[in-house]
Amino acid sequence: MARNSTTNEIVIQNTPHTILTAQDSAAEVIHPEGAAPICLVCEHASARIPAVLDDLGLAPEDRYSHAAWDIGARDLAVALAQKLDAPLVAAGVSRLVYDCNRPPEAPDSIPARSELVEVPGNADLSNDDRQARVASVYRPFRDMLCRKLDQFEKPPIMVTLHSFTPEWFGVPRNVELGLLHDNDDRLAKAMLAEAPHDLDTRLNAPYDASDGVTHTLREHAVPRGLHNVMVEIRNDLISDSTGIARFADILGDMLTRAMVREVAR
């Protein structure tokens, strides 16, 4: 573990038997000294693929597509961390290397196909290859998040930040903001009640827990009894600095009011 002196970010780098190099980091904590009782998480923050994996054989047009990462999610998470004065735990490599929002036993933790995108470098992996991904990426990310949660003086709320595509298998998605939950719906419903009327905001859309997308909430927030929510923003709405600033304001206000409505009572 090391600290980047320029950005004041804490990063976890390579571990024994790792696929990572000195230029890679499995996870990072951005704004680590944030004082708010909020832990932000971005599992799909990076499109980086370690050099040893040779871009996973991806076609050039897919290398920085939504298949590789959640477009706009990291920038939004950073802006929200600054607005709320909250720490942010973010993954440092592409979800095609390992999806940190999936447990190791999940088939899509290392997908050979994502929607229409083929991932040749993930096809027919040996058990040793899969375990190297788990050891290099998932465990350091999980351990860093656990340590960050342990550092709060009082139990924080947990907010995971994601983006989704305007179309899925050619079907348009009209929803703009989704608020997802696992078996604890308190914070998601409280935020829904605070959503702007001109924003198409829905509970458990465009995914829900049955799609296997709430692993981080289930693994880290639910056992600790933390108020938690998974936020999904349509990525065409956060594709530039204007959209990032807009949604940082929207989510910051929604979350602040929801904490008063639900968490503080």
Protein backbone atom coordinates (compact mmCIF):
# COMPACT_ATOMS: atom_id res chain seq x y z
CA MET A 1 0.00 0.00 0.00
CA ALA A 2 1.29 3.46 -0.86
CA ARG A 3 0.17 7.09 -0.97
CA ASN A 4 0.31 9.20 -4.14
CA SER A 5 1.91 12.44 -2.94
CA THR A 6 0.40 14.44 -5.80
CA THR A 7 -3.25 13.46 -5.36
CA ASN A 8 -3.21 12.31 -1.71
CA GLU A 9 -4.74 9.03 -2.85
CA ILE A 10 -4.00 5.72 -1.14
CA VAL A 11 -3.49 2.83 -3.57
CA ILE A 12 -3.04 -0.90 -3.25
CA GLN A 13 -0.56 -2.22 -5.78
CA ASN A 14 0.62 -5.67 -6.74
CA THR A 15 0.36 -8.67 -4.44
CA PRO A 16 2.21 -12.04 -4.58
CA HIS A 17 1.37 -14.02 -7.75
CA THR A 18 -0.18 -10.89 -9.21
CA ILE A 19 -0.96 -9.99 -12.80
CA LEU A 20 -0.35 -6.35 -11.93
CA THR A 21 2.80 -4.33 -12.53
CA ALA A 22 4.20 -1.35 -10.66
CA GLN A 23 2.14 0.87 -12.98
CA ASP A 24 -1.12 -0.77 -11.95
CA SER A 25 -3.17 -0.45 -8.77
CA ALA A 26 -5.91 -2.84 -7.74
CA ALA A 27 -7.73 -0.20 -5.71
CA GLU A 28 -7.44 3.35 -4.43
CA VAL A 29 -8.93 5.54 -1.76
CA ILE A 30 -9.60 9.03 -3.03
CA HIS A 31 -10.12 11.85 -0.52
CA PRO A 32 -9.14 9.45 2.30
CA GLU A 33 -9.43 12.11 5.01
CA GLY A 34 -13.06 12.89 4.16
CA ALA A 35 -14.93 13.57 7.38
CA ALA A 36 -18.53 12.85 6.34
CA PRO A 37 -20.11 9.61 7.67
CA ILE A 38 -20.38 8.34 4.10
CA CYS A 39 -18.34 5.73 2.24
CA LEU A 40 -18.53 6.09 -1.54
CA VAL A 41 -17.58 3.12 -3.72
CA CYS A 42 -16.97 2.82 -7.47
CA GLU A 43 -16.32 -0.77 -8.51
CA HIS A 44 -16.15 -0.06 -12.25
CA ALA A 45 -14.07 3.12 -12.12
CA SER A 46 -11.25 2.14 -14.49
CA ALA A 47 -10.75 0.80 -17.99
CA ARG A 48 -7.11 -0.11 -17.31
CA ILE A 49 -5.99 -3.58 -18.37
CA PRO A 50 -2.59 -4.82 -17.09
CA ALA A 51 -0.02 -5.15 -19.88
CA VAL A 52 0.44 -8.89 -19.32
CA LEU A 53 -3.15 -9.46 -20.47
CA ASP A 54 -2.55 -7.84 -23.88
CA ASP A 55 -5.84 -5.85 -23.86
CA LEU A 56 -7.67 -9.18 -23.36
CA GLY A 57 -7.81 -9.48 -27.15
CA LEU A 58 -10.52 -6.81 -27.33
CA ALA A 59 -11.39 -5.15 -30.61
CA PRO A 60 -10.09 -1.53 -30.66
CA GLU A 61 -13.62 -0.11 -30.67
CA ASP A 62 -14.45 -2.04 -27.50
CA ARG A 63 -11.33 -1.16 -25.52
CA TYR A 64 -12.86 1.89 -23.81
CA SER A 65 -16.52 1.04 -24.29
CA HIS A 66 -19.03 0.54 -21.48
CA ALA A 67 -18.08 -3.14 -21.50
CA ALA A 68 -14.69 -2.20 -20.02
CA TRP A 69 -15.88 0.27 -17.36
CA ASP A 70 -18.76 2.46 -16.21
CA ILE A 71 -18.31 5.54 -18.36
CA GLY A 72 -18.44 8.73 -16.30
CA ALA A 73 -18.84 6.93 -12.97
CA ARG A 74 -15.36 7.65 -11.59
CA ASP A 75 -15.48 11.35 -12.44
CA LEU A 76 -18.91 11.61 -10.87
CA ALA A 77 -17.78 9.70 -7.77
CA VAL A 78 -14.76 12.00 -7.35
CA ALA A 79 -16.95 15.10 -7.73
CA LEU A 80 -19.41 13.72 -5.18
CA ALA A 81 -16.61 12.85 -2.76
CA GLN A 82 -15.42 16.44 -2.91
CA LYS A 83 -18.92 17.85 -2.55
CA LEU A 84 -19.78 15.68 0.45
CA ASP A 85 -16.29 15.56 1.99
CA ALA A 86 -16.44 11.77 1.88
CA PRO A 87 -13.83 9.08 1.12
CA LEU A 88 -14.17 7.10 -2.08
CA VAL A 89 -12.93 3.54 -2.65
CA ALA A 90 -12.44 2.88 -6.37
CA ALA A 91 -11.25 -0.10 -8.38
CA GLY A 92 -8.08 0.43 -10.38
CA VAL A 93 -8.52 -1.98 -13.30
CA SER A 94 -11.22 -2.84 -15.82
CA ARG A 95 -14.19 -4.93 -14.80
CA LEU A 96 -13.28 -7.21 -17.73
CA VAL A 97 -10.13 -8.16 -15.82
CA TYR A 98 -12.24 -8.77 -12.72
CA ASP A 99 -15.62 -7.31 -11.79
CA CYS A 100 -15.24 -6.16 -8.19
CA ASN A 101 -19.03 -6.14 -7.81
CA ARG A 102 -19.16 -9.91 -8.22
CA PRO A 103 -18.00 -12.73 -5.93
CA PRO A 104 -15.30 -15.09 -7.22
CA GLU A 105 -17.80 -17.91 -7.76
CA ALA A 106 -19.97 -15.81 -10.10
CA PRO A 107 -19.51 -16.76 -13.79
CA ASP A 108 -19.65 -13.09 -14.82
CA SER A 109 -16.92 -12.01 -12.40
CA ILE A 110 -14.55 -12.56 -15.36
CA PRO A 111 -16.87 -12.41 -18.39
CA ALA A 112 -15.98 -13.92 -21.74
CA ARG A 113 -18.76 -11.80 -23.27
CA SER A 114 -20.37 -8.53 -22.19
CA GLU A 115 -23.60 -7.80 -24.07
CA LEU A 116 -22.34 -7.89 -27.71
CA VAL A 117 -18.64 -7.55 -26.85
CA GLU A 118 -16.47 -10.66 -27.06
CA VAL A 119 -13.56 -10.88 -24.60
CA PRO A 120 -11.15 -13.48 -26.05
CA GLY A 121 -8.67 -13.07 -23.19
CA ASN A 122 -11.29 -14.33 -20.74
CA ALA A 123 -12.30 -17.42 -22.70
CA ASP A 124 -11.38 -20.86 -21.38
CA LEU A 125 -9.42 -19.59 -18.39
CA SER A 126 -7.80 -22.18 -16.17
CA ASN A 127 -8.55 -22.24 -12.47
CA ASP A 128 -5.06 -20.86 -11.82
CA ASP A 129 -5.73 -17.97 -14.20
CA ARG A 130 -9.00 -17.17 -12.46
CA GLN A 131 -7.41 -17.35 -9.02
CA ALA A 132 -4.66 -14.95 -10.15
CA ARG A 133 -7.34 -12.41 -11.08
CA VAL A 134 -9.09 -12.89 -7.74
CA ALA A 135 -5.84 -12.52 -5.78
CA SER A 136 -4.63 -9.54 -7.80
CA VAL A 137 -7.81 -7.50 -8.03
CA TYR A 138 -10.81 -8.65 -6.00
CA ARG A 139 -9.15 -9.40 -2.68
CA PRO A 140 -7.12 -6.16 -2.51
CA PHE A 141 -10.23 -4.15 -3.43
CA ARG A 142 -12.33 -5.99 -0.84
CA ASP A 143 -9.66 -5.63 1.84
CA MET A 144 -9.21 -1.91 1.18
CA LEU A 145 -12.95 -1.32 1.43
CA CYS A 146 -13.11 -3.28 4.69
CA ARG A 147 -10.27 -1.25 6.16
CA LYS A 148 -11.87 2.02 5.12
CA LEU A 149 -15.17 1.03 6.72
CA ASP A 150 -13.36 0.03 9.90
CA GLN A 151 -11.80 3.50 10.14
CA PHE A 152 -15.09 5.38 10.59
CA GLU A 153 -15.76 6.47 14.17
CA LYS A 154 -19.47 5.82 13.70
CA PRO A 155 -21.13 3.46 11.20
CA PRO A 156 -21.28 5.28 7.86
CA ILE A 157 -23.76 4.95 5.05
CA MET A 158 -22.50 3.23 1.89
CA VAL A 159 -23.21 4.51 -1.62
CA THR A 160 -21.95 2.64 -4.69
CA LEU A 161 -21.86 4.58 -7.97
CA HIS A 162 -22.40 3.14 -11.44
CA SER A 163 -23.49 4.10 -14.93
CA PHE A 164 -25.50 2.21 -17.56
CA THR A 165 -25.94 2.38 -21.32
CA PRO A 166 -28.88 4.16 -23.02
CA GLU A 167 -29.56 0.92 -24.92
CA TRP A 168 -29.19 -2.74 -23.94
CA PHE A 169 -29.25 -5.32 -26.75
CA GLY A 170 -30.81 -2.62 -28.92
CA VAL A 171 -33.64 -1.81 -26.50
CA PRO A 172 -33.75 1.87 -25.39
CA ARG A 173 -33.76 2.67 -21.69
CA ASN A 174 -35.78 5.70 -20.70
CA VAL A 175 -34.87 5.61 -17.01
CA GLU A 176 -32.24 8.25 -16.15
CA LEU A 177 -31.43 7.49 -12.52
CA GLY A 178 -31.81 4.16 -10.77
CA LEU A 179 -31.71 3.55 -7.01
CA LEU A 180 -31.06 -0.11 -6.23
CA HIS A 181 -31.06 -2.04 -3.00
CA ASP A 182 -30.50 -5.55 -1.71
CA ASN A 183 -32.57 -6.60 1.32
CA ASP A 184 -32.37 -3.15 2.95
CA ASP A 185 -34.46 -0.58 1.04
CA ARG A 186 -34.37 2.26 3.58
CA LEU A 187 -31.87 4.60 1.93
CA ALA A 188 -32.98 3.83 -1.64
CA LYS A 189 -36.59 4.72 -0.83
CA ALA A 190 -35.58 7.81 1.12
CA MET A 191 -33.52 9.06 -1.83
CA LEU A 192 -36.34 8.26 -4.26
CA ALA A 193 -38.62 10.54 -2.24
CA GLU A 194 -36.08 13.36 -2.71
CA ALA A 195 -35.54 12.92 -6.47
CA PRO A 196 -36.19 15.90 -8.77
CA HIS A 197 -39.60 15.70 -10.45
CA ASP A 198 -38.11 16.30 -13.91
CA LEU A 199 -35.72 13.33 -13.66
CA ASP A 200 -36.91 9.83 -14.58
CA THR A 201 -35.88 8.13 -11.33
CA ARG A 202 -36.90 4.58 -10.51
CA LEU A 203 -36.37 2.03 -7.79
CA ASN A 204 -34.42 -1.07 -8.89
CA ALA A 205 -33.91 -0.03 -12.50
CA PRO A 206 -32.42 -0.84 -14.94
CA TYR A 207 -31.29 -3.78 -12.76
CA ASP A 208 -32.21 -5.26 -9.41
CA ALA A 209 -30.72 -7.65 -6.88
CA SER A 210 -31.88 -10.70 -8.83
CA ASP A 211 -29.38 -9.72 -11.56
CA GLY A 212 -26.51 -10.22 -9.12
CA VAL A 213 -25.52 -6.54 -9.10
CA THR A 214 -25.71 -5.87 -5.35
CA HIS A 215 -22.72 -7.94 -4.26
CA THR A 216 -20.83 -5.02 -2.70
CA LEU A 217 -23.88 -3.99 -0.68
CA ARG A 218 -24.50 -7.58 0.41
CA GLU A 219 -20.85 -8.25 1.24
CA HIS A 220 -19.99 -5.05 3.11
CA ALA A 221 -23.04 -2.97 4.07
CA VAL A 222 -25.74 -5.48 4.99
CA PRO A 223 -23.66 -7.48 7.52
CA ARG A 224 -22.67 -4.24 9.26
CA GLY A 225 -26.24 -2.96 9.32
CA LEU A 226 -25.28 0.11 7.28
CA HIS A 227 -27.79 2.19 5.37
CA ASN A 228 -26.85 1.62 1.75
CA VAL A 229 -27.82 2.22 -1.86
CA MET A 230 -26.51 1.45 -5.34
CA VAL A 231 -26.84 4.42 -7.71
CA GLU A 232 -27.07 3.93 -11.48
CA ILE A 233 -26.95 6.92 -13.88
CA ARG A 234 -27.52 6.64 -17.63
CA ASN A 235 -24.10 7.33 -19.05
CA ASP A 236 -25.13 9.79 -21.78
CA LEU A 237 -26.11 12.14 -18.94
CA ILE A 238 -22.62 12.13 -17.38
CA SER A 239 -20.48 12.11 -20.52
CA ASP A 240 -19.00 15.59 -19.99
CA SER A 241 -18.07 17.99 -17.20
CA THR A 242 -21.46 19.71 -17.30
CA GLY A 243 -23.30 16.44 -16.75
CA ILE A 244 -20.87 15.39 -14.02
CA ALA A 245 -21.39 18.67 -12.13
CA ARG A 246 -25.16 18.47 -12.56
CA PHE A 247 -25.43 14.96 -11.14
CA ALA A 248 -22.96 15.63 -8.34
CA ASP A 249 -25.30 18.41 -7.23
CA ILE A 250 -28.44 16.29 -7.69
CA LEU A 251 -27.08 13.26 -5.86
CA GLY A 252 -25.44 15.33 -3.15
CA ASP A 253 -28.72 17.09 -2.40
CA MET A 254 -30.77 13.87 -2.59
CA LEU A 255 -28.39 12.03 -0.31
CA THR A 256 -28.14 14.86 2.23
CA ARG A 257 -31.91 15.17 2.50
CA ALA A 258 -32.39 11.40 2.59
CA MET A 259 -29.94 11.12 5.47
CA VAL A 260 -32.03 13.60 7.42
CA ARG A 261 -35.25 11.83 6.44
CA GLU A 262 -34.17 8.26 7.17
CA VAL A 263 -30.74 7.90 8.73
CA ALA A 264 -30.87 10.58 11.41
CA ARG A 265 -34.32 9.77 12.73
